Amino acid sequence: EAVLRCLEKDPARRPQSAHELGLALAAGTDSGEWTEAQAREWWRRRQHGPRPPARGDTGVSQLLTVDLRDRAAAGQ
């Protein structure tokens, strides 16, 4: 849900700061590991249809890491 909010077309519906995004991510539940079949079903239910593999996709899952630490608090 937090990632989809980041993709909203209306900027007012997107998280307004890294802090707000961090709160949304922290409020989420741990979904555990998903299989490719589960991910495709998730997209199908949302009427986006299965996403074709990206060019050069090896089928290996990748992890996105986002640093949400408050840089102002760290003096940066």
PDB file of N, CA and C in Angstrom:
ATOM      1  N   GLU A   1       0.816  -1.186   0.000  1.00  0.00           N
ATOM      2  CA  GLU A   1       0.000   0.000   0.000  1.00  0.00           C
ATOM      3  C   GLU A   1       0.867   1.260   0.000  1.00  0.00           C
ATOM      4  N   ALA A   2       1.937   1.243   0.791  1.00  0.00           N
ATOM      5  CA  ALA A   2       2.803   2.416   0.873  1.00  0.00           C
ATOM      6  C   ALA A   2       3.455   2.696  -0.479  1.00  0.00           C
ATOM      7  N   VAL A   3       3.898   1.664  -1.156  1.00  0.00           N
ATOM      8  CA  VAL A   3       4.530   1.840  -2.467  1.00  0.00           C
ATOM      9  C   VAL A   3       3.516   2.377  -3.475  1.00  0.00           C
ATOM     10  N   LEU A   4       2.305   1.848  -3.449  1.00  0.00           N
ATOM     11  CA  LEU A   4       1.279   2.333  -4.372  1.00  0.00           C
ATOM     12  C   LEU A   4       0.943   3.798  -4.102  1.00  0.00           C
ATOM     13  N   ARG A   5       0.961   4.214  -2.830  1.00  0.00           N
ATOM     14  CA  ARG A   5       0.744   5.629  -2.524  1.00  0.00           C
ATOM     15  C   ARG A   5       1.838   6.486  -3.151  1.00  0.00           C
ATOM     16  N   CYS A   6       3.053   5.986  -3.187  1.00  0.00           N
ATOM     17  CA  CYS A   6       4.162   6.729  -3.801  1.00  0.00           C
ATOM     18  C   CYS A   6       3.946   6.917  -5.300  1.00  0.00           C
ATOM     19  N   LEU A   7       3.177   6.039  -5.901  1.00  0.00           N
ATOM     20  CA  LEU A   7       2.944   6.075  -7.344  1.00  0.00           C
ATOM     21  C   LEU A   7       1.672   6.818  -7.737  1.00  0.00           C
ATOM     22  N   GLU A   8       0.975   7.395  -6.770  1.00  0.00           N
ATOM     23  CA  GLU A   8      -0.261   8.128  -7.062  1.00  0.00           C
ATOM     24  C   GLU A   8       0.007   9.241  -8.066  1.00  0.00           C
ATOM     25  N   LYS A   9      -0.917   9.435  -9.000  1.00  0.00           N
ATOM     26  CA  LYS A   9      -0.779  10.517  -9.971  1.00  0.00           C
ATOM     27  C   LYS A   9      -0.945  11.883  -9.306  1.00  0.00           C
ATOM     28  N   ASP A  10      -1.845  11.961  -8.340  1.00  0.00           N
ATOM     29  CA  ASP A  10      -2.097  13.213  -7.636  1.00  0.00           C
ATOM     30  C   ASP A  10      -1.036  13.393  -6.553  1.00  0.00           C
ATOM     31  N   PRO A  11      -0.163  14.388  -6.682  1.00  0.00           N
ATOM     32  CA  PRO A  11       0.906  14.582  -5.698  1.00  0.00           C
ATOM     33  C   PRO A  11       0.400  14.732  -4.261  1.00  0.00           C
ATOM     34  N   ALA A  12      -0.796  15.256  -4.082  1.00  0.00           N
ATOM     35  CA  ALA A  12      -1.342  15.435  -2.738  1.00  0.00           C
ATOM     36  C   ALA A  12      -1.637  14.103  -2.057  1.00  0.00           C
ATOM     37  N   ARG A  13      -1.802  13.042  -2.849  1.00  0.00           N
ATOM     38  CA  ARG A  13      -2.100  11.720  -2.285  1.00  0.00           C
ATOM     39  C   ARG A  13      -0.838  10.909  -2.012  1.00  0.00           C
ATOM     40  N   ARG A  14       0.323  11.422  -2.431  1.00  0.00           N
ATOM     41  CA  ARG A  14       1.600  10.754  -2.175  1.00  0.00           C
ATOM     42  C   ARG A  14       2.099  11.139  -0.787  1.00  0.00           C
ATOM     43  N   PRO A  15       2.980  10.306  -0.189  1.00  0.00           N
ATOM     44  CA  PRO A  15       3.608  10.730   1.070  1.00  0.00           C
ATOM     45  C   PRO A  15       4.325  12.061   0.840  1.00  0.00           C
ATOM     46  N   GLN A  16       4.191  12.964   1.796  1.00  0.00           N
ATOM     47  CA  GLN A  16       4.746  14.307   1.630  1.00  0.00           C
ATOM     48  C   GLN A  16       6.175  14.432   2.133  1.00  0.00           C
ATOM     49  N   SER A  17       6.681  13.378   2.777  1.00  0.00           N
ATOM     50  CA  SER A  17       8.057  13.418   3.282  1.00  0.00           C
ATOM     51  C   SER A  17       8.555  11.988   3.480  1.00  0.00           C
ATOM     52  N   ALA A  18       9.862  11.858   3.640  1.00  0.00           N
ATOM     53  CA  ALA A  18      10.438  10.542   3.939  1.00  0.00           C
ATOM     54  C   ALA A  18       9.928  10.047   5.281  1.00  0.00           C
ATOM     55  N   HIS A  19       9.718  10.966   6.206  1.00  0.00           N
ATOM     56  CA  HIS A  19       9.198  10.588   7.526  1.00  0.00           C
ATOM     57  C   HIS A  19       7.799   9.978   7.393  1.00  0.00           C
ATOM     58  N   GLU A  20       6.939  10.627   6.609  1.00  0.00           N
ATOM     59  CA  GLU A  20       5.583  10.113   6.398  1.00  0.00           C
ATOM     60  C   GLU A  20       5.618   8.737   5.731  1.00  0.00           C
ATOM     61  N   LEU A  21       6.496   8.572   4.753  1.00  0.00           N
ATOM     62  CA  LEU A  21       6.642   7.277   4.097  1.00  0.00           C
ATOM     63  C   LEU A  21       7.124   6.230   5.094  1.00  0.00           C
ATOM     64  N   GLY A  22       8.082   6.599   5.928  1.00  0.00           N
ATOM     65  CA  GLY A  22       8.584   5.677   6.944  1.00  0.00           C
ATOM     66  C   GLY A  22       7.488   5.214   7.887  1.00  0.00           C
ATOM     67  N   LEU A  23       6.605   6.133   8.283  1.00  0.00           N
ATOM     68  CA  LEU A  23       5.487   5.767   9.155  1.00  0.00           C
ATOM     69  C   LEU A  23       4.545   4.790   8.451  1.00  0.00           C
ATOM     70  N   ALA A  24       4.289   5.046   7.166  1.00  0.00           N
ATOM     71  CA  ALA A  24       3.407   4.155   6.407  1.00  0.00           C
ATOM     72  C   ALA A  24       4.017   2.769   6.269  1.00  0.00           C
ATOM     73  N   LEU A  25       5.323   2.720   6.030  1.00  0.00           N
ATOM     74  CA  LEU A  25       5.995   1.424   5.910  1.00  0.00           C
ATOM     75  C   LEU A  25       6.011   0.694   7.247  1.00  0.00           C
ATOM     76  N   ALA A  26       6.242   1.419   8.320  1.00  0.00           N
ATOM     77  CA  ALA A  26       6.278   0.803   9.652  1.00  0.00           C
ATOM     78  C   ALA A  26       4.909   0.285  10.057  1.00  0.00           C
ATOM     79  N   ALA A  27       3.848   0.927   9.590  1.00  0.00           N
ATOM     80  CA  ALA A  27       2.493   0.508   9.937  1.00  0.00           C
ATOM     81  C   ALA A  27       2.055  -0.730   9.166  1.00  0.00           C
ATOM     82  N   GLY A  28       2.770  -1.043   8.086  1.00  0.00           N
ATOM     83  CA  GLY A  28       2.412  -2.198   7.269  1.00  0.00           C
ATOM     84  C   GLY A  28       2.685  -3.501   8.003  1.00  0.00           C
ATOM     85  N   THR A  29       2.118  -4.536   7.484  1.00  0.00           N
ATOM     86  CA  THR A  29       2.349  -5.857   8.066  1.00  0.00           C
ATOM     87  C   THR A  29       3.393  -6.593   7.253  1.00  0.00           C
ATOM     88  N   ASP A  30       4.060  -7.503   7.880  1.00  0.00           N
ATOM     89  CA  ASP A  30       5.069  -8.321   7.195  1.00  0.00           C
ATOM     90  C   ASP A  30       4.347  -9.327   6.319  1.00  0.00           C
ATOM     91  N   SER A  31       4.542  -9.216   5.030  1.00  0.00           N
ATOM     92  CA  SER A  31       3.848 -10.114   4.103  1.00  0.00           C
ATOM     93  C   SER A  31       4.610 -11.416   3.892  1.00  0.00           C
ATOM     94  N   GLY A  32       5.787 -11.528   4.501  1.00  0.00           N
ATOM     95  CA  GLY A  32       6.567 -12.742   4.304  1.00  0.00           C
ATOM     96  C   GLY A  32       7.111 -12.782   2.892  1.00  0.00           C
ATOM     97  N   GLU A  33       7.486 -13.947   2.451  1.00  0.00           N
ATOM     98  CA  GLU A  33       8.003 -14.083   1.094  1.00  0.00           C
ATOM     99  C   GLU A  33       6.878 -14.413   0.130  1.00  0.00           C
ATOM    100  N   TRP A  34       6.935 -13.800  -1.027  1.00  0.00           N
ATOM    101  CA  TRP A  34       5.963 -14.060  -2.074  1.00  0.00           C
ATOM    102  C   TRP A  34       6.626 -14.851  -3.174  1.00  0.00           C
ATOM    103  N   THR A  35       5.853 -15.745  -3.764  1.00  0.00           N
ATOM    104  CA  THR A  35       6.330 -16.429  -4.958  1.00  0.00           C
ATOM    105  C   THR A  35       5.945 -15.571  -6.162  1.00  0.00           C
ATOM    106  N   GLU A  36       6.534 -15.871  -7.298  1.00  0.00           N
ATOM    107  CA  GLU A  36       6.184 -15.140  -8.510  1.00  0.00           C
ATOM    108  C   GLU A  36       4.703 -15.333  -8.824  1.00  0.00           C
ATOM    109  N   ALA A  37       4.186 -16.542  -8.601  1.00  0.00           N
ATOM    110  CA  ALA A  37       2.775 -16.814  -8.869  1.00  0.00           C
ATOM    111  C   ALA A  37       1.873 -15.958  -7.974  1.00  0.00           C
ATOM    112  N   GLN A  38       2.244 -15.797  -6.710  1.00  0.00           N
ATOM    113  CA  GLN A  38       1.452 -14.964  -5.800  1.00  0.00           C
ATOM    114  C   GLN A  38       1.485 -13.498  -6.243  1.00  0.00           C
ATOM    115  N   ALA A  39       2.628 -13.024  -6.684  1.00  0.00           N
ATOM    116  CA  ALA A  39       2.742 -11.643  -7.149  1.00  0.00           C
ATOM    117  C   ALA A  39       1.885 -11.424  -8.393  1.00  0.00           C
ATOM    118  N   ARG A  40       1.910 -12.371  -9.328  1.00  0.00           N
ATOM    119  CA  ARG A  40       1.086 -12.244 -10.534  1.00  0.00           C
ATOM    120  C   ARG A  40      -0.405 -12.239 -10.184  1.00  0.00           C
ATOM    121  N   GLU A  41      -0.803 -13.072  -9.239  1.00  0.00           N
ATOM    122  CA  GLU A  41      -2.207 -13.122  -8.811  1.00  0.00           C
ATOM    123  C   GLU A  41      -2.600 -11.796  -8.165  1.00  0.00           C
ATOM    124  N   TRP A  42      -1.704 -11.219  -7.376  1.00  0.00           N
ATOM    125  CA  TRP A  42      -1.970  -9.929  -6.739  1.00  0.00           C
ATOM    126  C   TRP A  42      -2.253  -8.872  -7.811  1.00  0.00           C
ATOM    127  N   TRP A  43      -1.407  -8.822  -8.850  1.00  0.00           N
ATOM    128  CA  TRP A  43      -1.611  -7.860  -9.933  1.00  0.00           C
ATOM    129  C   TRP A  43      -2.891  -8.164 -10.705  1.00  0.00           C
ATOM    130  N   ARG A  44      -3.165  -9.445 -10.949  1.00  0.00           N
ATOM    131  CA  ARG A  44      -4.363  -9.816 -11.699  1.00  0.00           C
ATOM    132  C   ARG A  44      -5.619  -9.343 -10.965  1.00  0.00           C
ATOM    133  N   ARG A  45      -5.652  -9.537  -9.661  1.00  0.00           N
ATOM    134  CA  ARG A  45      -6.816  -9.115  -8.875  1.00  0.00           C
ATOM    135  C   ARG A  45      -7.012  -7.607  -8.924  1.00  0.00           C
ATOM    136  N   ARG A  46      -5.981  -6.871  -9.151  1.00  0.00           N
ATOM    137  CA  ARG A  46      -6.075  -5.419  -9.222  1.00  0.00           C
ATOM    138  C   ARG A  46      -6.239  -4.941 -10.666  1.00  0.00           C
ATOM    139  N   GLN A  47      -6.525  -5.871 -11.554  1.00  0.00           N
ATOM    140  CA  GLN A  47      -6.815  -5.617 -12.962  1.00  0.00           C
ATOM    141  C   GLN A  47      -5.678  -4.932 -13.700  1.00  0.00           C
ATOM    142  N   HIS A  48      -4.465  -5.134 -13.230  1.00  0.00           N
ATOM    143  CA  HIS A  48      -3.311  -4.635 -13.964  1.00  0.00           C
ATOM    144  C   HIS A  48      -2.767  -5.738 -14.865  1.00  0.00           C
ATOM    145  N   GLY A  49      -3.187  -6.967 -14.604  1.00  0.00           N
ATOM    146  CA  GLY A  49      -2.691  -8.108 -15.353  1.00  0.00           C
ATOM    147  C   GLY A  49      -1.267  -8.441 -14.953  1.00  0.00           C
ATOM    148  N   PRO A  50      -0.832  -9.628 -15.295  1.00  0.00           N
ATOM    149  CA  PRO A  50       0.538 -10.001 -14.946  1.00  0.00           C
ATOM    150  C   PRO A  50       1.540  -9.127 -15.678  1.00  0.00           C
ATOM    151  N   ARG A  51       2.580  -8.764 -14.996  1.00  0.00           N
ATOM    152  CA  ARG A  51       3.624  -7.944 -15.590  1.00  0.00           C
ATOM    153  C   ARG A  51       4.592  -8.843 -16.347  1.00  0.00           C
ATOM    154  N   PRO A  52       4.871  -8.510 -17.582  1.00  0.00           N
ATOM    155  CA  PRO A  52       5.855  -9.316 -18.309  1.00  0.00           C
ATOM    156  C   PRO A  52       7.231  -9.123 -17.685  1.00  0.00           C
ATOM    157  N   PRO A  53       8.076 -10.119 -17.753  1.00  0.00           N
ATOM    158  CA  PRO A  53       9.425  -9.948 -17.201  1.00  0.00           C
ATOM    159  C   PRO A  53      10.148  -8.808 -17.904  1.00  0.00           C
ATOM    160  N   ALA A  54      10.934  -8.093 -17.144  1.00  0.00           N
ATOM    161  CA  ALA A  54      11.737  -7.013 -17.723  1.00  0.00           C
ATOM    162  C   ALA A  54      12.796  -7.618 -18.626  1.00  0.00           C
ATOM    163  N   ARG A  55      13.247  -6.853 -19.575  1.00  0.00           N
ATOM    164  CA  ARG A  55      14.281  -7.334 -20.479  1.00  0.00           C
ATOM    165  C   ARG A  55      15.512  -7.740 -19.673  1.00  0.00           C
ATOM    166  N   GLY A  56      16.007  -8.923 -19.904  1.00  0.00           N
ATOM    167  CA  GLY A  56      17.171  -9.412 -19.184  1.00  0.00           C
ATOM    168  C   GLY A  56      16.839  -9.974 -17.814  1.00  0.00           C
ATOM    169  N   ASP A  57      15.522 -10.074 -17.482  1.00  0.00           N
ATOM    170  CA  ASP A  57      15.124 -10.590 -16.175  1.00  0.00           C
ATOM    171  C   ASP A  57      15.508 -12.054 -16.066  1.00  0.00           C
ATOM    172  N   THR A  58      16.201 -12.381 -14.998  1.00  0.00           N
ATOM    173  CA  THR A  58      16.629 -13.765 -14.785  1.00  0.00           C
ATOM    174  C   THR A  58      15.642 -14.528 -13.929  1.00  0.00           C
ATOM    175  N   GLY A  59      14.576 -13.848 -13.461  1.00  0.00           N
ATOM    176  CA  GLY A  59      13.621 -14.500 -12.582  1.00  0.00           C
ATOM    177  C   GLY A  59      14.055 -14.463 -11.126  1.00  0.00           C
ATOM    178  N   VAL A  60      15.187 -13.863 -10.851  1.00  0.00           N
ATOM    179  CA  VAL A  60      15.680 -13.770  -9.480  1.00  0.00           C
ATOM    180  C   VAL A  60      15.070 -12.536  -8.834  1.00  0.00           C
ATOM    181  N   SER A  61      14.504 -12.711  -7.661  1.00  0.00           N
ATOM    182  CA  SER A  61      13.920 -11.582  -6.946  1.00  0.00           C
ATOM    183  C   SER A  61      15.008 -10.611  -6.530  1.00  0.00           C
ATOM    184  N   GLN A  62      14.642  -9.342  -6.490  1.00  0.00           N
ATOM    185  CA  GLN A  62      15.579  -8.312  -6.064  1.00  0.00           C
ATOM    186  C   GLN A  62      14.979  -7.574  -4.880  1.00  0.00           C
ATOM    187  N   LEU A  63      15.824  -7.012  -4.051  1.00  0.00           N
ATOM    188  CA  LEU A  63      15.402  -6.299  -2.862  1.00  0.00           C
ATOM    189  C   LEU A  63      15.677  -4.817  -3.034  1.00  0.00           C
ATOM    190  N   LEU A  64      14.676  -3.997  -2.742  1.00  0.00           N
ATOM    191  CA  LEU A  64      14.826  -2.553  -2.761  1.00  0.00           C
ATOM    192  C   LEU A  64      14.983  -2.090  -1.325  1.00  0.00           C
ATOM    193  N   THR A  65      16.053  -1.370  -1.049  1.00  0.00           N
ATOM    194  CA  THR A  65      16.291  -0.853   0.294  1.00  0.00           C
ATOM    195  C   THR A  65      16.239   0.659   0.238  1.00  0.00           C
ATOM    196  N   VAL A  66      15.489   1.254   1.143  1.00  0.00           N
ATOM    197  CA  VAL A  66      15.350   2.699   1.188  1.00  0.00           C
ATOM    198  C   VAL A  66      15.809   3.180   2.560  1.00  0.00           C
ATOM    199  N   ASP A  67      16.727   4.129   2.588  1.00  0.00           N
ATOM    200  CA  ASP A  67      17.218   4.716   3.834  1.00  0.00           C
ATOM    201  C   ASP A  67      16.285   5.847   4.219  1.00  0.00           C
ATOM    202  N   LEU A  68      15.531   5.667   5.301  1.00  0.00           N
ATOM    203  CA  LEU A  68      14.552   6.663   5.711  1.00  0.00           C
ATOM    204  C   LEU A  68      14.997   7.452   6.943  1.00  0.00           C
ATOM    205  N   ARG A  69      16.256   7.311   7.309  1.00  0.00           N
ATOM    206  CA  ARG A  69      16.751   8.047   8.470  1.00  0.00           C
ATOM    207  C   ARG A  69      16.655   9.538   8.215  1.00  0.00           C
ATOM    208  N   ASP A  70      16.333  10.254   9.245  1.00  0.00           N
ATOM    209  CA  ASP A  70      16.210  11.706   9.149  1.00  0.00           C
ATOM    210  C   ASP A  70      17.599  12.321   9.089  1.00  0.00           C
ATOM    211  N   ARG A  71      17.990  12.808   7.929  1.00  0.00           N
ATOM    212  CA  ARG A  71      19.332  13.361   7.738  1.00  0.00           C
ATOM    213  C   ARG A  71      19.520  14.655   8.550  1.00  0.00           C
ATOM    214  N   ALA A  72      18.455  15.391   8.764  1.00  0.00           N
ATOM    215  CA  ALA A  72      18.584  16.622   9.550  1.00  0.00           C
ATOM    216  C   ALA A  72      18.981  16.286  10.986  1.00  0.00           C
ATOM    217  N   ALA A  73      18.410  15.232  11.544  1.00  0.00           N
ATOM    218  CA  ALA A  73      18.731  14.823  12.901  1.00  0.00           C
ATOM    219  C   ALA A  73      20.173  14.336  13.000  1.00  0.00           C
ATOM    220  N   ALA A  74      20.709  13.832  11.890  1.00  0.00           N
ATOM    221  CA  ALA A  74      22.073  13.332  11.869  1.00  0.00           C
ATOM    222  C   ALA A  74      23.069  14.454  11.564  1.00  0.00           C
ATOM    223  N   GLY A  75      22.558  15.668  11.403  1.00  0.00           N
ATOM    224  CA  GLY A  75      23.455  16.799  11.138  1.00  0.00           C
ATOM    225  C   GLY A  75      23.910  16.890   9.708  1.00  0.00           C
ATOM    226  N   GLN A  76      23.164  16.294   8.786  1.00  0.00           N
ATOM    227  CA  GLN A  76      23.548  16.321   7.368  1.00  0.00           C
ATOM    228  C   GLN A  76      22.579  17.168   6.587  1.00  0.00           C
TER     229      GLN A  76
END
